[in-house]
Structure formats: C-alpha cells, structure tokens
Amino acid sequence: MIWFIMLSNVVILQVILIDVGLTKLFPELLLLYTPFQFLCPVLFVAFTYSYLNQYDIFKRFRPVYLLPFVCFFVLYVILKVNVVQEYALISKKWAVWIGTELDENSALAFSLFSAIWNYKVIQRYEEKSGSLPYAMVIKKTKWLKHIFITMVLLCIAWALVIAYLKMNPLVSGHGPYYPLWLVFIGFYVVFFIKGSKHLNEIRQKRNAEKQLFHRINSDFRGSGLHKIFNSHELLSMQESRYQAAEILEYFATSLFDKHTETEVLWDVARNCISKLGLEDCVIYSYDSKSGKLIQKAAFGNKDNGNRKIVSPIEIPLGKGIVGAVAKSKQWEVVNNMEIDNRYIVDDLRRQSELAVPVLFEDGLIGVLDSENSEKDFFTEKHIFLFQLIAKLVSIKLVQIRKKTGPVLTDDNIYYTRFKQWLEEEKVFLDVNLSLQTSSDYLSISSGYLSHIINTLGGVNFSEFINLYRIDEAKRLLVHPHYSNYTIVAVGLESGFNSKSAFYNAFKKHLGETPSEYRQRYKMVS
C-alpha cells in the first residue's frame, strides 16, 4: 500500500519536473525516469489480493501483471539511448509520440483495467465467502470497493482531460492536469488513512487471536479442546501463522451436543467445512465389512438438503485418491487432476483435491475429501486444519460409540463469559438479542450455547434473558427517576418488546404483576 502511494506520487512529480523546465536545466534527471505508472497498478492489485488473504493467487499471475512495466522499462531505455545517439534509432517525431501519446494512453488503459480487475477480485471473494456471515464479509470489502470505484472515476476524469486537450489544440502544457493531480493526491491520502486503519484492525485481530491461543492453552475446561488435541498439536496451532483457533473452537463446541454419527458428520460438512470457504467437501465413512468408503455427508453440489447426498457413490479401499488415502492412512494433495489417472469423477470434474484420513488409534474411520475447480488450490493451511478436524471428528465419533463425553460444570468458561457480557454491557436491553447473535459473540455454535444455558441455567435461552430483564424492571419500577414511567414504558426500557411479554414473564417468575410489585413497594416504603 505504501509503495503504491509513494510511487504514484513519484509519477506526478516526474511530469511536474518536465513541466516546470527543471529537466531542461538538468537533462541527466531524465536518465532516472522510470515507467512507475505501469508498476503502480500492479501494486494496487497486489494490495487487494494480500488484504483478502489471496496473495498466493497474485503470485501465480505476477509475471503477467508486470509485463506492461517491463515492456515500457525496455522502451524507456531505448528512448534514452536514442536521445544520446541523437535520434539515430527512432526519429524525434516518433520518439515524442511514444513518450507522450502511447505512454499516457497505455498507462490510463492499464490503470482502468487494474481498477476494474480489483473490483472483480472483491466480487469473487464475496461469492466464495458466502458460507461466512454476510455482515463479516461486507465489513471486510465495503471500504475497499469504495476505493476502487473512486479509482475508476479518477481514470474516467483522466480520460476526459486527455479528450479536452485533443479537442483544444490551442491549450498547451500540463495546466489542465494540475486539478486532476490534486484530486489524485487527495485520493492517495484518503487511501492511506483508510488503509492504515484497516491494517491496524487486522493487527489487533491477530493479537486477539494470539491471546485466544493462550486462553485455550491456559483454560481447556471450557472449550473442551484438551480432550481432543494433545499439547504438541495445540503448540503447533499457536506457532502457526494460520487463523485456526476460532474455527477449531467452533468445531469443538458445535459437536458438543451431537449424539449420533449422522449429526456429527453433517454438522462438520455444513457448518464447519463451509467456514473454510471451500467449493466442495464429502465425508466418507469406512465400512470394514465391505471394504468400501461410503459417502455420508457433504457440502456443496453433493448436498441435496435434508441430510441427503446427491447420487452417493462407494469407493473400494485403495481405489481412486480417496481409496488410496484410506489405504495408506496418510493425507494427500493432488494439485493437478489432469495428470493423476487415479481420479474418480463424482458430480463434476475438478482440478485439485485434498483427502485426509479420519483415524483413531491407527484404525480407519473414514476420509475427509475436498475438491476445487482451481489447480494448486489447497495450501498448508487447508492441510493443517483438515488434519485437526479429522482428529476432532474421530474423537467425537468414538465418544458417541462408547457413550462418553465431556460434562458441563458451573465454571464453564463460555457460561461465565456470557453472564459477564449480560451483566457488564446489559445487552439484554436489546429487544433483538437472539441465541445466534449471542453465540456469534462467544464464537461458539448456537446449539452449544443453548445446551449450556439449559443445563447450567435450568431454563431455555429466552427465559434466561428474561430473568435479567425482570431484574432490570424491578429496579426501574421502584427507582425515583422512573416514578412517572408507565408500566409498559418500564417493560420496554427493560428489553421486553411488548406489554404482554413483560406482564407474562414478570408474573411467571415473581407471582405478581408489575403494577402489584410497584404498589407493594410504595406501601412498604
């Protein structure tokens, strides 16, 4: 981002030096001129991919992005040599045309193309991240889309200035460009401020993730991860650069209240794997009697809804990539399916595949398999997370078969945090507070939070929240500052969304109406 802003201003400075005649006084300055106008759009694209955690995609196409810069860098060298040799290679007329017309028009076209390309990159990111909460995706991309829309508008303004100069041959020099340059500089300032703000937010988030790792390591009781991952694996999570903690914590809590193999596998496929932003994932279960791997759950095209798989297939042990992984009990990544004759086409032909075995005490339980339409799609991050998820699934399935599992206690870390959140921030006053928003705040599944409240609170989520609202209503009913408030107004101030909801909840828990409670307090006073 900083290099983009800095070099963009250098481009403007290079033109101003020519315009004010400084290069005529010191011709050697021209030897330093570099076609940064063709490098800046590349940095622009690189920033987008990097910000969206897709820099690996940019690296694959980086030579293509840099081609215009390389071509014009060579052309600049030829023009400089041509001037030294007194235009022996190219006539002065053509040299001026190349250095002005061709240079500027190409730079404008490339800048406009890069801005539109960046916008498309953001749109593709939003589409592929459809499994993530919509608000989270939009928050990440909204400011960036505004930046690129502004860039497109500036390029259009640039084109209008060029058209104006073409239509007015009497106008000479770069005078009409100066207002445009000022707007560009203003754009760079805004970009730097907004970019720095968001990059700081990212740093803070990463620091929060590190604290999350420390919390998981120091307090396993609440998350239950100590029952699933050993200390070496938790240390690997902490030392890795991947954002694994929240995902794995969600996995552990999401599976807490699942009691059948079907529930576990479909929860992992739909709610867990989908969080990784994958196109497709199929979970196979191994049938030792038939020696086959059977499709049990899916995310993507194979998911037909209602826990049904579209055209389920069975794969013999040792056949295909899934069968080979099951037989070797070792994960495998295929970066190019076209050169692997083991590939078994299921619903669609794709370009890359990751398969990880689900094992318990070296015994095969099944295979996690994901395919993608892009070659070289799967990274170390996917391999790392798939292995940990596979172990989590295996432990959970064994717990179900042995009818064992973790037990909730009053010091459960999520129960404690939830109550602190309610008491300190008084979020129960929000009439729209829901189980989902509460579980999102705690970064756990809604099912797990519901289970915690039912088990430790002794009531369901709505009743649990109402208890806090009733306590608040009791305080307001007798508070002198609220003596002029009607009963209904007190109920609304306490977080209830209607008179009937307030009256019913209040009488259910206290055995008297709010009016009776207020009257009784006045009599006692």
Protein backbone atom coordinates (compact mmCIF):
# COMPACT_ATOMS: atom_id res chain seq x y z
CA MET A 1 0.00 0.00 0.00
CA ILE A 2 2.76 2.44 0.95
CA TRP A 3 4.81 1.62 -2.15
CA PHE A 4 1.73 2.18 -4.34
CA ILE A 5 1.05 5.60 -2.82
CA MET A 6 4.70 6.65 -2.88
CA LEU A 7 5.38 5.63 -6.50
CA SER A 8 2.06 7.13 -7.67
CA ASN A 9 3.22 10.50 -6.36
CA VAL A 10 6.62 9.99 -7.99
CA VAL A 11 4.83 9.62 -11.33
CA ILE A 12 3.15 13.00 -10.83
CA LEU A 13 6.46 14.53 -9.70
CA GLN A 14 8.23 13.28 -12.83
CA VAL A 15 5.74 15.10 -15.07
CA ILE A 16 5.87 18.29 -12.97
CA LEU A 17 9.69 18.37 -13.27
CA ILE A 18 9.28 18.37 -17.05
CA ASP A 19 6.51 20.97 -16.95
CA VAL A 20 8.46 23.49 -14.84
CA GLY A 21 11.53 23.07 -17.10
CA LEU A 22 13.82 21.53 -14.50
CA THR A 23 14.75 18.67 -16.82
CA LYS A 24 15.92 21.19 -19.41
CA LEU A 25 18.33 22.65 -16.89
CA PHE A 26 19.43 19.22 -15.71
CA PRO A 27 18.91 16.73 -18.60
CA GLU A 28 20.59 13.97 -16.59
CA LEU A 29 17.40 13.78 -14.49
CA LEU A 30 15.69 12.12 -17.44
CA LEU A 31 18.03 9.16 -17.06
CA LEU A 32 16.33 8.43 -13.72
CA TYR A 33 12.83 8.42 -15.20
CA THR A 34 11.13 5.04 -14.78
CA PRO A 35 7.65 3.97 -16.00
CA PHE A 36 6.26 3.65 -12.47
CA GLN A 37 2.80 4.38 -13.91
CA PHE A 38 2.81 0.75 -15.08
CA LEU A 39 4.07 -0.57 -11.74
CA CYS A 40 1.56 1.27 -9.54
CA PRO A 41 -1.48 -0.65 -10.85
CA VAL A 42 0.38 -3.90 -10.14
CA LEU A 43 0.93 -2.82 -6.53
CA PHE A 44 -2.75 -1.87 -6.45
CA VAL A 45 -3.72 -5.42 -7.46
CA ALA A 46 -1.19 -6.94 -5.06
CA PHE A 47 -2.65 -4.97 -2.15
CA THR A 48 -6.15 -6.28 -2.92
CA TYR A 49 -5.10 -9.91 -3.09
CA SER A 50 -2.99 -9.55 0.04
CA TYR A 51 -5.77 -7.85 2.01
CA LEU A 52 -8.21 -10.62 1.05
CA ASN A 53 -5.69 -13.32 2.06
CA GLN A 54 -5.34 -14.47 -1.55
CA TYR A 55 -1.77 -13.37 -2.24
CA ASP A 56 -0.86 -16.86 -3.47
CA ILE A 57 -3.19 -16.29 -6.44
CA PHE A 58 -1.45 -12.99 -7.22
CA LYS A 59 1.99 -14.63 -7.14
CA ARG A 60 0.92 -17.13 -9.78
CA PHE A 61 -0.03 -14.34 -12.22
CA ARG A 62 2.58 -11.77 -11.16
CA PRO A 63 4.69 -12.09 -14.35
CA VAL A 64 1.61 -11.24 -16.44
CA TYR A 65 0.80 -8.20 -14.30
CA LEU A 66 4.41 -6.97 -14.58
CA LEU A 67 4.61 -7.39 -18.36
CA PRO A 68 3.50 -3.78 -19.24
CA PHE A 69 6.03 -2.35 -16.78
CA VAL A 70 8.85 -4.49 -18.20
CA CYS A 71 7.94 -3.60 -21.79
CA PHE A 72 7.87 0.14 -21.14
CA PHE A 73 11.01 -0.06 -18.99
CA VAL A 74 12.83 -1.53 -22.00
CA LEU A 75 11.21 1.10 -24.21
CA TYR A 76 12.38 3.89 -21.85
CA VAL A 77 15.94 2.54 -22.06
CA ILE A 78 15.76 2.51 -25.87
CA LEU A 79 14.43 6.09 -25.92
CA LYS A 80 17.21 7.28 -23.60
CA VAL A 81 19.87 5.60 -25.74
CA ASN A 82 18.15 7.08 -28.80
CA VAL A 83 18.44 10.61 -27.39
CA VAL A 84 22.14 10.10 -26.54
CA GLN A 85 22.73 8.93 -30.11
CA GLU A 86 20.85 11.96 -31.43
CA TYR A 87 17.78 10.01 -32.59
CA ALA A 88 19.74 7.53 -34.67
CA LEU A 89 17.36 4.65 -33.80
CA ILE A 90 13.94 6.37 -33.80
CA SER A 91 13.03 9.72 -35.31
CA LYS A 92 12.31 12.58 -32.91
CA LYS A 93 8.68 12.70 -34.04
CA TRP A 94 8.09 9.02 -33.23
CA ALA A 95 10.09 9.26 -30.00
CA VAL A 96 7.89 12.12 -28.80
CA TRP A 97 4.75 10.16 -29.79
CA ILE A 98 5.92 7.10 -27.88
CA GLY A 99 6.90 9.15 -24.83
CA THR A 100 3.63 11.06 -24.69
CA GLU A 101 0.71 9.57 -26.62
CA LEU A 102 1.50 5.86 -26.36
CA ASP A 103 2.85 6.13 -22.81
CA GLU A 104 -0.08 8.06 -21.34
CA ASN A 105 -2.87 6.25 -23.17
CA SER A 106 -1.43 2.86 -22.27
CA ALA A 107 -0.99 3.90 -18.63
CA LEU A 108 -4.59 5.11 -18.49
CA ALA A 109 -5.92 1.90 -20.04
CA PHE A 110 -3.82 -0.24 -17.70
CA SER A 111 -4.90 1.74 -14.62
CA LEU A 112 -8.56 1.48 -15.57
CA PHE A 113 -8.19 -2.23 -16.26
CA SER A 114 -6.48 -2.84 -12.91
CA ALA A 115 -9.18 -0.93 -11.01
CA ILE A 116 -11.95 -2.96 -12.68
CA TRP A 117 -9.95 -6.15 -12.15
CA ASN A 118 -9.62 -5.37 -8.43
CA TYR A 119 -13.36 -4.85 -8.19
CA LYS A 120 -13.93 -8.25 -9.81
CA VAL A 121 -11.47 -9.83 -7.37
CA ILE A 122 -13.53 -8.45 -4.48
CA GLN A 123 -16.78 -9.74 -6.00
CA ARG A 124 -15.29 -13.22 -6.45
CA TYR A 125 -14.12 -13.13 -2.84
CA GLU A 126 -17.63 -12.24 -1.65
CA GLU A 127 -19.16 -15.05 -3.70
CA LYS A 128 -16.68 -17.65 -2.47
CA SER A 129 -17.12 -16.48 1.12
CA GLY A 130 -20.87 -16.99 1.04
CA SER A 131 -20.55 -19.53 3.85
CA LEU A 132 -19.27 -16.80 6.19
CA PRO A 133 -21.61 -14.37 7.95
CA TYR A 134 -22.73 -11.77 5.38
CA ALA A 135 -22.03 -8.85 7.69
CA MET A 136 -18.46 -10.05 8.24
CA VAL A 137 -17.72 -10.29 4.51
CA ILE A 138 -19.28 -6.92 3.67
CA LYS A 139 -17.43 -5.19 6.51
CA LYS A 140 -14.15 -6.52 5.11
CA THR A 141 -14.81 -5.49 1.50
CA LYS A 142 -17.07 -2.42 1.60
CA TRP A 143 -14.35 0.20 2.14
CA LEU A 144 -12.14 -1.49 -0.47
CA LYS A 145 -14.92 -1.41 -3.07
CA HIS A 146 -15.35 2.32 -2.45
CA ILE A 147 -11.63 2.83 -3.04
CA PHE A 148 -11.74 1.03 -6.37
CA ILE A 149 -14.92 2.74 -7.54
CA THR A 150 -13.17 6.04 -6.81
CA MET A 151 -10.15 4.84 -8.80
CA VAL A 152 -12.37 4.09 -11.80
CA LEU A 153 -13.94 7.56 -11.59
CA LEU A 154 -10.47 9.16 -11.45
CA CYS A 155 -9.42 7.22 -14.52
CA ILE A 156 -12.53 8.48 -16.31
CA ALA A 157 -11.63 12.04 -15.26
CA TRP A 158 -8.11 11.41 -16.58
CA ALA A 159 -9.58 10.30 -19.94
CA LEU A 160 -11.73 13.45 -20.07
CA VAL A 161 -8.66 15.66 -19.57
CA ILE A 162 -6.92 13.87 -22.46
CA ALA A 163 -10.02 14.32 -24.65
CA TYR A 164 -10.18 18.02 -23.73
CA LEU A 165 -6.57 18.55 -24.80
CA LYS A 166 -7.23 16.72 -28.07
CA MET A 167 -10.23 18.92 -28.86
CA ASN A 168 -8.45 22.16 -27.91
CA PRO A 169 -5.15 22.32 -29.81
CA LEU A 170 -4.57 25.87 -28.55
CA VAL A 171 -4.15 24.57 -24.99
CA SER A 172 -0.53 23.64 -24.28
CA GLY A 173 1.39 22.37 -21.30
CA HIS A 174 0.06 20.36 -18.41
CA GLY A 175 -2.15 23.08 -16.88
CA PRO A 176 -5.41 21.10 -17.20
CA TYR A 177 -3.76 18.19 -15.38
CA TYR A 178 -2.99 20.08 -12.18
CA PRO A 179 -6.54 19.96 -10.70
CA LEU A 180 -6.66 16.26 -11.56
CA TRP A 181 -3.31 15.66 -9.88
CA LEU A 182 -4.54 17.38 -6.74
CA VAL A 183 -7.58 15.11 -6.69
CA PHE A 184 -5.32 12.08 -7.16
CA ILE A 185 -3.13 13.18 -4.27
CA GLY A 186 -6.25 13.63 -2.12
CA PHE A 187 -7.30 10.11 -3.11
CA TYR A 188 -3.91 8.76 -2.02
CA VAL A 189 -4.24 10.50 1.35
CA VAL A 190 -7.70 9.00 1.94
CA PHE A 191 -6.47 5.60 0.77
CA PHE A 192 -3.54 5.78 3.19
CA ILE A 193 -5.74 6.80 6.14
CA LYS A 194 -8.42 4.18 5.49
CA GLY A 195 -5.88 1.51 4.60
CA SER A 196 -3.82 2.16 7.72
CA LYS A 197 -6.97 1.98 9.82
CA HIS A 198 -7.97 -1.40 8.45
CA LEU A 199 -4.45 -2.79 8.60
CA ASN A 200 -4.30 -1.77 12.26
CA GLU A 201 -7.60 -3.58 12.81
CA ILE A 202 -6.05 -6.68 11.24
CA ARG A 203 -3.04 -6.42 13.55
CA GLN A 204 -5.34 -6.08 16.54
CA LYS A 205 -7.31 -9.11 15.38
CA ARG A 206 -4.13 -11.15 15.06
CA ASN A 207 -3.07 -10.09 18.55
CA ALA A 208 -6.51 -11.11 19.79
CA GLU A 209 -6.01 -14.49 18.12
CA LYS A 210 -2.70 -14.93 19.91
CA GLN A 211 -4.47 -14.18 23.19
CA LEU A 212 -7.13 -16.69 22.20
CA PHE A 213 -4.45 -19.35 21.76
CA HIS A 214 -3.03 -18.51 25.19
CA ARG A 215 -6.52 -18.71 26.69
CA ILE A 216 -7.14 -22.10 25.11
CA ASN A 217 -3.81 -23.35 26.42
CA SER A 218 -4.42 -21.98 29.92
CA ASP A 219 -8.09 -22.90 30.28
CA PHE A 220 -9.08 -26.11 28.48
CA ARG A 221 -12.03 -26.82 30.73
CA GLY A 222 -14.43 -24.51 28.94
CA SER A 223 -13.53 -25.29 25.34
CA GLY A 224 -13.00 -28.99 25.83
CA LEU A 225 -10.09 -28.96 23.37
CA HIS A 226 -7.81 -30.68 25.90
CA LYS A 227 -9.95 -33.78 25.43
CA ILE A 228 -9.34 -33.69 21.68
CA PHE A 229 -5.87 -32.27 20.93
CA ASN A 230 -2.63 -33.03 22.73
CA SER A 231 -0.22 -30.34 23.92
CA HIS A 232 2.02 -30.74 20.85
CA GLU A 233 -0.88 -30.09 18.47
CA LEU A 234 -2.04 -27.07 20.46
CA LEU A 235 1.50 -25.72 20.39
CA SER A 236 1.55 -26.19 16.62
CA MET A 237 -1.66 -24.16 16.38
CA GLN A 238 -0.14 -21.39 18.46
CA GLU A 239 3.09 -21.26 16.47
CA SER A 240 1.38 -21.45 13.07
CA ARG A 241 0.51 -18.32 11.13
CA TYR A 242 -2.96 -19.61 10.37
CA GLN A 243 -6.18 -18.37 11.93
CA ALA A 244 -7.16 -21.75 13.34
CA ALA A 245 -8.21 -21.09 16.92
CA GLU A 246 -11.71 -19.72 16.36
CA ILE A 247 -12.53 -22.34 13.73
CA LEU A 248 -11.38 -25.22 15.90
CA GLU A 249 -13.11 -23.80 18.96
CA TYR A 250 -16.32 -23.60 16.95
CA PHE A 251 -15.85 -27.20 15.82
CA ALA A 252 -15.39 -28.44 19.37
CA THR A 253 -18.42 -26.59 20.74
CA SER A 254 -20.62 -27.26 17.72
CA LEU A 255 -20.14 -31.01 18.11
CA PHE A 256 -20.68 -30.93 21.88
CA ASP A 257 -24.41 -31.70 21.74
CA LYS A 258 -24.35 -34.08 18.76
CA HIS A 259 -25.33 -37.61 19.76
CA THR A 260 -25.30 -39.59 16.50
CA GLU A 261 -22.74 -40.17 13.77
CA THR A 262 -25.09 -38.61 11.20
CA GLU A 263 -25.43 -35.40 13.25
CA VAL A 264 -21.66 -35.12 13.67
CA LEU A 265 -20.77 -35.67 10.02
CA TRP A 266 -23.41 -33.32 8.63
CA ASP A 267 -22.53 -30.64 11.18
CA VAL A 268 -18.87 -30.84 10.19
CA ALA A 269 -19.72 -30.77 6.48
CA ARG A 270 -22.24 -27.93 6.53
CA ASN A 271 -21.25 -25.72 9.44
CA CYS A 272 -17.55 -26.40 9.85
CA ILE A 273 -16.05 -27.16 6.46
CA SER A 274 -18.11 -24.36 4.92
CA LYS A 275 -16.28 -21.87 7.17
CA LEU A 276 -13.07 -22.65 5.30
CA GLY A 277 -14.53 -21.17 2.09
CA LEU A 278 -14.34 -24.41 0.09
CA GLU A 279 -16.36 -25.28 -3.01
CA ASP A 280 -16.94 -28.88 -2.08
CA CYS A 281 -16.38 -31.41 0.69
CA VAL A 282 -17.52 -35.00 1.10
CA ILE A 283 -17.08 -37.06 4.26
CA TYR A 284 -16.67 -40.80 3.74
CA SER A 285 -17.28 -43.46 6.38
CA TYR A 286 -15.33 -46.70 6.16
CA ASP A 287 -17.31 -49.96 6.21
CA SER A 288 -14.85 -52.63 7.28
CA LYS A 289 -17.21 -55.47 6.28
CA SER A 290 -17.49 -54.44 2.64
CA GLY A 291 -14.08 -52.77 2.50
CA LYS A 292 -15.65 -49.68 0.95
CA LEU A 293 -15.77 -45.97 1.69
CA ILE A 294 -19.37 -44.68 1.73
CA GLN A 295 -20.36 -41.04 1.28
CA LYS A 296 -22.14 -39.98 4.47
CA ALA A 297 -22.26 -36.14 4.42
CA ALA A 298 -21.43 -33.35 2.01
CA PHE A 299 -21.05 -29.62 1.48
CA GLY A 300 -21.51 -28.13 -1.99
CA ASN A 301 -23.15 -29.68 -5.05
CA LYS A 302 -23.44 -33.08 -3.37
CA ASP A 303 -25.64 -31.66 -0.60
CA ASN A 304 -29.27 -32.23 -1.56
CA GLY A 305 -30.67 -30.88 1.72
CA ASN A 306 -32.42 -32.82 4.49
CA ARG A 307 -29.17 -34.70 5.15
CA LYS A 308 -29.24 -36.39 1.77
CA ILE A 309 -26.40 -36.75 -0.72
CA VAL A 310 -26.92 -36.36 -4.46
CA SER A 311 -26.09 -39.67 -6.23
CA PRO A 312 -23.94 -41.13 -3.43
CA ILE A 313 -21.08 -43.37 -4.52
CA GLU A 314 -18.99 -46.04 -2.80
CA ILE A 315 -15.23 -46.32 -3.30
CA PRO A 316 -13.32 -49.58 -2.66
CA LEU A 317 -10.30 -49.36 -0.38
CA GLY A 318 -7.25 -48.50 -2.47
CA LYS A 319 -9.21 -47.16 -5.46
CA GLY A 320 -9.06 -43.52 -6.52
CA ILE A 321 -7.40 -40.80 -4.46
CA VAL A 322 -9.83 -41.25 -1.55
CA GLY A 323 -9.31 -45.01 -1.52
CA ALA A 324 -5.52 -44.60 -1.71
CA VAL A 325 -5.52 -42.22 1.25
CA ALA A 326 -7.72 -44.60 3.23
CA LYS A 327 -5.37 -47.49 2.50
CA SER A 328 -2.12 -45.61 3.25
CA LYS A 329 -3.68 -43.68 6.17
CA GLN A 330 -1.72 -40.64 5.00
CA TRP A 331 -3.16 -37.35 3.73
CA GLU A 332 -2.59 -36.46 0.12
CA VAL A 333 -2.91 -33.34 -2.06
CA VAL A 334 -3.26 -33.54 -5.84
CA ASN A 335 -2.57 -30.15 -7.42
CA ASN A 336 -3.44 -31.17 -10.98
CA MET A 337 -6.08 -33.83 -11.50
CA GLU A 338 -5.37 -33.97 -15.25
CA ILE A 339 -2.11 -35.84 -14.68
CA ASP A 340 -3.42 -38.23 -11.99
CA ASN A 341 -5.11 -41.28 -13.51
CA ARG A 342 -6.46 -42.38 -10.11
CA TYR A 343 -9.05 -39.59 -10.13
CA ILE A 344 -12.66 -40.79 -9.89
CA VAL A 345 -15.11 -38.18 -11.22
CA ASP A 346 -18.12 -37.75 -8.94
CA ASP A 347 -20.54 -34.85 -9.55
CA LEU A 348 -18.12 -32.61 -11.51
CA ARG A 349 -14.60 -32.85 -12.87
CA ARG A 350 -12.35 -30.56 -10.84
CA GLN A 351 -8.68 -29.62 -10.93
CA SER A 352 -7.29 -30.27 -7.42
CA GLU A 353 -8.11 -32.45 -4.42
CA LEU A 354 -7.25 -32.81 -0.74
CA ALA A 355 -8.01 -36.03 1.13
CA VAL A 356 -7.25 -36.60 4.83
CA PRO A 357 -7.94 -39.88 6.70
CA VAL A 358 -10.03 -39.94 9.88
CA LEU A 359 -8.20 -42.28 12.26
CA PHE A 360 -8.48 -43.46 15.83
CA GLU A 361 -5.63 -45.40 17.42
CA ASP A 362 -4.39 -46.15 13.88
CA GLY A 363 -7.78 -47.59 12.91
CA LEU A 364 -9.54 -46.16 9.84
CA ILE A 365 -12.89 -44.44 10.46
CA GLY A 366 -13.28 -42.50 7.24
CA VAL A 367 -11.89 -39.79 4.94
CA LEU A 368 -12.41 -36.01 4.64
CA ASP A 369 -12.25 -35.15 0.94
CA SER A 370 -12.44 -31.80 -0.83
CA GLU A 371 -12.08 -30.87 -4.50
CA ASN A 372 -11.68 -27.50 -6.18
CA SER A 373 -12.05 -26.19 -9.72
CA GLU A 374 -8.67 -24.39 -9.49
CA LYS A 375 -5.30 -26.10 -9.85
CA ASP A 376 -2.91 -25.75 -6.88
CA PHE A 377 -5.80 -24.52 -4.72
CA PHE A 378 -5.06 -26.34 -1.46
CA THR A 379 -2.40 -24.84 0.79
CA GLU A 380 -0.65 -25.79 4.01
CA LYS A 381 -3.48 -24.03 5.84
CA HIS A 382 -6.08 -26.44 4.44
CA ILE A 383 -3.90 -29.47 5.18
CA PHE A 384 -3.25 -28.25 8.73
CA LEU A 385 -6.91 -27.62 9.52
CA PHE A 386 -8.18 -30.79 7.84
CA GLN A 387 -5.86 -32.92 9.97
CA LEU A 388 -7.04 -31.30 13.19
CA ILE A 389 -10.69 -31.51 12.13
CA ALA A 390 -10.22 -35.17 11.24
CA LYS A 391 -8.90 -35.86 14.72
CA LEU A 392 -11.76 -33.93 16.31
CA VAL A 393 -14.28 -35.96 14.30
CA SER A 394 -12.64 -39.26 15.19
CA ILE A 395 -12.65 -38.48 18.93
CA LYS A 396 -16.28 -37.37 18.80
CA LEU A 397 -17.40 -40.48 16.92
CA VAL A 398 -15.58 -42.69 19.41
CA GLN A 399 -17.27 -40.83 22.28
CA ILE A 400 -20.65 -41.50 20.68
CA ARG A 401 -19.91 -45.19 20.22
CA LYS A 402 -18.65 -45.53 23.79
CA LYS A 403 -21.39 -43.22 25.11
CA THR A 404 -18.88 -40.95 26.85
CA GLY A 405 -18.20 -37.25 26.62
CA PRO A 406 -17.34 -34.02 28.49
CA VAL A 407 -19.55 -32.88 31.37
CA LEU A 408 -20.68 -29.28 31.87
CA THR A 409 -19.91 -27.59 35.20
CA ASP A 410 -20.83 -24.19 36.63
CA ASP A 411 -17.35 -22.81 35.93
CA ASN A 412 -17.76 -23.41 32.19
CA ILE A 413 -15.79 -20.60 30.55
CA TYR A 414 -18.49 -19.76 27.99
CA TYR A 415 -21.25 -19.69 30.58
CA THR A 416 -19.14 -17.34 32.69
CA ARG A 417 -18.37 -15.07 29.76
CA PHE A 418 -21.98 -14.99 28.64
CA LYS A 419 -23.17 -13.88 32.07
CA GLN A 420 -20.42 -11.25 32.29
CA TRP A 421 -21.47 -9.92 28.87
CA LEU A 422 -25.08 -9.63 30.00
CA GLU A 423 -24.23 -8.03 33.33
CA GLU A 424 -21.48 -5.64 32.25
CA GLU A 425 -22.81 -4.48 28.86
CA LYS A 426 -26.52 -5.03 29.55
CA VAL A 427 -27.11 -6.43 26.07
CA PHE A 428 -30.38 -7.92 27.34
CA LEU A 429 -31.87 -4.43 26.90
CA ASP A 430 -31.71 -5.04 23.14
CA VAL A 431 -35.10 -6.45 22.10
CA ASN A 432 -33.39 -8.11 19.10
CA LEU A 433 -30.90 -10.07 21.19
CA SER A 434 -31.01 -13.67 19.96
CA LEU A 435 -29.36 -17.00 20.53
CA GLN A 436 -27.47 -16.65 17.24
CA THR A 437 -26.07 -13.18 17.96
CA SER A 438 -25.03 -14.34 21.43
CA SER A 439 -23.27 -17.43 20.10
CA ASP A 440 -21.56 -15.32 17.42
CA TYR A 441 -20.25 -13.02 20.16
CA LEU A 442 -18.80 -16.02 22.03
CA SER A 443 -17.54 -17.64 18.77
CA ILE A 444 -19.35 -20.89 19.55
CA SER A 445 -22.27 -22.69 17.97
CA SER A 446 -25.81 -21.70 18.90
CA GLY A 447 -26.58 -25.32 19.77
CA TYR A 448 -23.74 -25.44 22.27
CA LEU A 449 -24.79 -22.17 23.91
CA SER A 450 -28.37 -23.39 24.15
CA HIS A 451 -27.15 -26.61 25.75
CA ILE A 452 -25.04 -24.66 28.28
CA ILE A 453 -27.95 -22.43 29.32
CA ASN A 454 -30.43 -25.30 29.55
CA THR A 455 -28.01 -27.39 31.60
CA LEU A 456 -26.42 -24.79 33.86
CA GLY A 457 -29.14 -22.12 33.88
CA GLY A 458 -32.03 -24.56 34.15
CA VAL A 459 -34.14 -22.62 31.60
CA ASN A 460 -34.13 -22.00 27.87
CA PHE A 461 -32.38 -19.02 26.26
CA SER A 462 -35.45 -16.72 26.16
CA GLU A 463 -36.31 -17.32 29.79
CA PHE A 464 -32.67 -16.86 30.81
CA ILE A 465 -32.57 -13.43 29.13
CA ASN A 466 -35.94 -12.53 30.61
CA LEU A 467 -34.58 -13.11 34.11
CA TYR A 468 -32.11 -10.26 33.54
CA ARG A 469 -34.85 -8.09 32.06
CA ILE A 470 -37.09 -8.76 35.05
CA ASP A 471 -34.32 -7.76 37.46
CA GLU A 472 -33.88 -4.54 35.46
CA ALA A 473 -37.65 -3.92 35.52
CA LYS A 474 -37.75 -4.44 39.30
CA ARG A 475 -35.04 -1.81 39.66
CA LEU A 476 -36.82 0.71 37.41
CA LEU A 477 -40.26 0.16 38.97
CA VAL A 478 -39.05 1.40 42.34
CA HIS A 479 -36.44 3.92 41.17
CA PRO A 480 -37.49 7.56 41.88
CA HIS A 481 -36.23 8.74 38.48
CA TYR A 482 -38.72 6.39 36.78
CA SER A 483 -41.70 7.08 39.02
CA ASN A 484 -43.52 8.85 36.17
CA TYR A 485 -42.95 5.98 33.75
CA THR A 486 -45.93 3.81 32.92
CA ILE A 487 -45.71 0.08 33.49
CA VAL A 488 -45.47 -0.52 29.74
CA ALA A 489 -42.68 2.05 29.40
CA VAL A 490 -40.71 0.32 32.16
CA GLY A 491 -41.11 -3.01 30.35
CA LEU A 492 -39.85 -1.55 27.08
CA GLU A 493 -36.91 0.12 28.86
CA SER A 494 -36.02 -3.27 30.35
CA GLY A 495 -35.76 -5.01 26.96
CA PHE A 496 -39.23 -6.51 26.51
CA ASN A 497 -40.81 -5.95 23.10
CA SER A 498 -44.47 -5.84 24.21
CA LYS A 499 -46.75 -5.30 27.17
CA SER A 500 -47.99 -8.92 27.16
CA ALA A 501 -44.47 -10.36 27.06
CA PHE A 502 -43.48 -8.17 30.00
CA TYR A 503 -46.56 -8.96 32.11
CA ASN A 504 -46.43 -12.71 31.43
CA ALA A 505 -42.72 -13.09 32.19
CA PHE A 506 -42.89 -10.89 35.30
CA LYS A 507 -45.85 -12.73 36.82
CA LYS A 508 -44.44 -16.14 35.92
CA HIS A 509 -41.21 -15.53 37.83
CA LEU A 510 -42.45 -13.33 40.69
CA GLY A 511 -46.06 -14.42 41.14
CA GLU A 512 -47.41 -10.86 40.85
CA THR A 513 -47.87 -8.26 38.13
CA PRO A 514 -45.53 -5.28 37.67
CA SER A 515 -48.29 -2.97 38.95
CA GLU A 516 -48.74 -5.06 42.10
CA TYR A 517 -44.97 -5.10 42.63
CA ARG A 518 -44.70 -1.31 42.36
CA GLN A 519 -47.74 -0.76 44.61
CA ARG A 520 -46.43 -3.17 47.23
CA TYR A 521 -43.08 -1.37 47.30
CA LYS A 522 -44.80 2.00 47.80
CA MET A 523 -46.82 0.61 50.70
CA VAL A 524 -43.72 -0.81 52.37
CA SER A 525 -41.87 2.49 51.88
